[in-house]
Every structure is written in structure tokens, then in C-alpha cells.
Protein backbone atom coordinates (compact mmCIF):
# COMPACT_ATOMS: atom_id res chain seq x y z
CA MET A 1 -32.16 30.55 45.09
CA ALA A 2 -29.68 29.35 47.68
CA PRO A 3 -26.75 31.55 48.64
CA GLU A 4 -23.43 30.28 47.28
CA PRO A 5 -21.97 29.10 50.63
CA LEU A 6 -25.07 26.99 51.25
CA LYS A 7 -24.98 25.55 47.73
CA LYS A 8 -21.33 24.62 48.19
CA LEU A 9 -22.11 23.01 51.52
CA GLN A 10 -24.92 21.00 49.94
CA GLN A 11 -22.54 19.82 47.23
CA GLU A 12 -19.87 18.89 49.76
CA ILE A 13 -22.38 16.92 51.83
CA GLU A 14 -23.49 15.03 48.73
CA LYS A 15 -19.97 13.97 47.79
CA THR A 16 -18.80 13.14 51.32
CA GLN A 17 -18.89 9.51 52.38
CA ALA A 18 -19.91 9.23 56.03
CA SER A 19 -17.47 7.30 58.20
CA ASN A 20 -20.21 5.83 60.38
CA ASP A 21 -23.95 5.83 60.98
CA GLU A 22 -23.76 8.82 63.31
CA GLN A 23 -22.08 10.93 60.65
CA ALA A 24 -24.58 9.75 58.04
CA ALA A 25 -27.44 10.83 60.30
CA SER A 26 -25.77 14.18 60.99
CA MET A 27 -25.27 14.78 57.28
CA ALA A 28 -28.92 13.98 56.60
CA ASP A 29 -29.94 16.40 59.36
CA LEU A 30 -27.71 19.10 57.89
CA ARG A 31 -29.25 18.58 54.45
CA ASP A 32 -32.70 19.02 55.98
CA HIS A 33 -31.67 22.13 57.93
CA ILE A 34 -30.12 23.69 54.83
CA GLN A 35 -33.20 23.05 52.72
CA ARG A 36 -35.51 24.46 55.40
CA ALA A 37 -33.36 27.59 55.68
CA ILE A 38 -33.41 28.03 51.91
CA ASP A 39 -37.16 27.47 51.67
CA GLU A 40 -37.99 29.52 54.75
CA PRO A 41 -35.22 31.96 55.71
CA GLU A 42 -36.68 32.40 59.19
CA ASN A 43 -35.28 28.90 59.87
CA ALA A 44 -31.71 30.11 59.30
CA PRO A 45 -30.93 30.47 63.03
CA GLY A 46 -31.62 26.75 63.47
CA LEU A 47 -29.26 26.01 60.60
CA LEU A 48 -26.53 28.14 62.14
CA GLU A 49 -26.80 26.24 65.41
CA ALA A 50 -26.80 22.87 63.61
CA LEU A 51 -23.72 23.85 61.61
CA ARG A 52 -21.84 24.96 64.69
CA ASP A 53 -22.75 21.74 66.47
CA SER A 54 -21.62 19.56 63.57
CA PHE A 55 -18.33 21.28 62.75
CA ALA A 56 -16.20 19.38 65.29
CA GLN A 57 -17.76 16.07 64.32
CA PHE A 58 -16.49 16.37 60.75
CA GLN A 59 -13.27 18.30 61.27
CA ALA A 60 -10.94 15.30 61.67
CA ASP A 61 -12.44 12.83 59.19
CA HIS A 62 -13.79 15.22 56.57
CA PRO A 63 -11.80 18.46 56.52
CA GLN A 64 -13.32 19.65 53.24
CA LEU A 65 -16.81 19.26 54.65
CA ALA A 66 -15.73 21.03 57.83
CA ALA A 67 -14.34 23.89 55.74
CA ALA A 68 -17.63 24.17 53.85
CA ILE A 69 -19.49 24.16 57.17
CA GLN A 70 -17.25 26.95 58.47
CA SER A 71 -17.83 28.99 55.31
CA ALA A 72 -21.58 28.63 55.73
CA VAL A 73 -21.31 29.60 59.42
CA ASP A 74 -19.30 32.68 58.48
CA PHE A 75 -21.79 33.61 55.76
CA LEU A 76 -24.79 33.24 58.08
CA ALA A 77 -23.07 35.16 60.87
CA GLU A 78 -22.15 37.98 58.48
CA SER A 79 -25.75 38.00 57.26
CA GLY A 80 -26.92 38.75 60.77
CA VAL A 81 -28.48 35.37 61.50
């Protein structure tokens, strides 16, 4: 089962409308990273890096998504990833 911050991030990604093709691709990549980290926890470091890289991209246009990303980053960092 996915940790709550990752579930919330998945939900936020699903309800967020991408502003452009680049954001849509980034959101698809994040969905893939999240699922891989859930399915195989050893992939969590890759997710953490992807989340950190994507935060700034969404901060201005999608603050709720950015907040969910930050929560997931905090959770993963606190988990020792």
C-alpha cells in the first residue's frame, strides 16, 4: 500500500490540468516514478530526485501540486531515502 503522501500526490497529479505539453510529460513521468517507488521501494531515491526536479516547474502554475510534491519530498527525506 502506498504511503499517504504518495497517494495524495497521485491524486493531485490526476486532478491537475497540465498547462502545456512539457508539464503533461513531466506529470506522466512523475506518475511512473511514484508507481515504481510503490511497487519497488528501492526505486524511491529516483522518485525523490524526480520530485525535487519537478517542484519548480509546477510551483507557479499549480501551487497545490507543488505543495503535494513538497509533502512527498519531506516524507521521503524523513524516511531516509
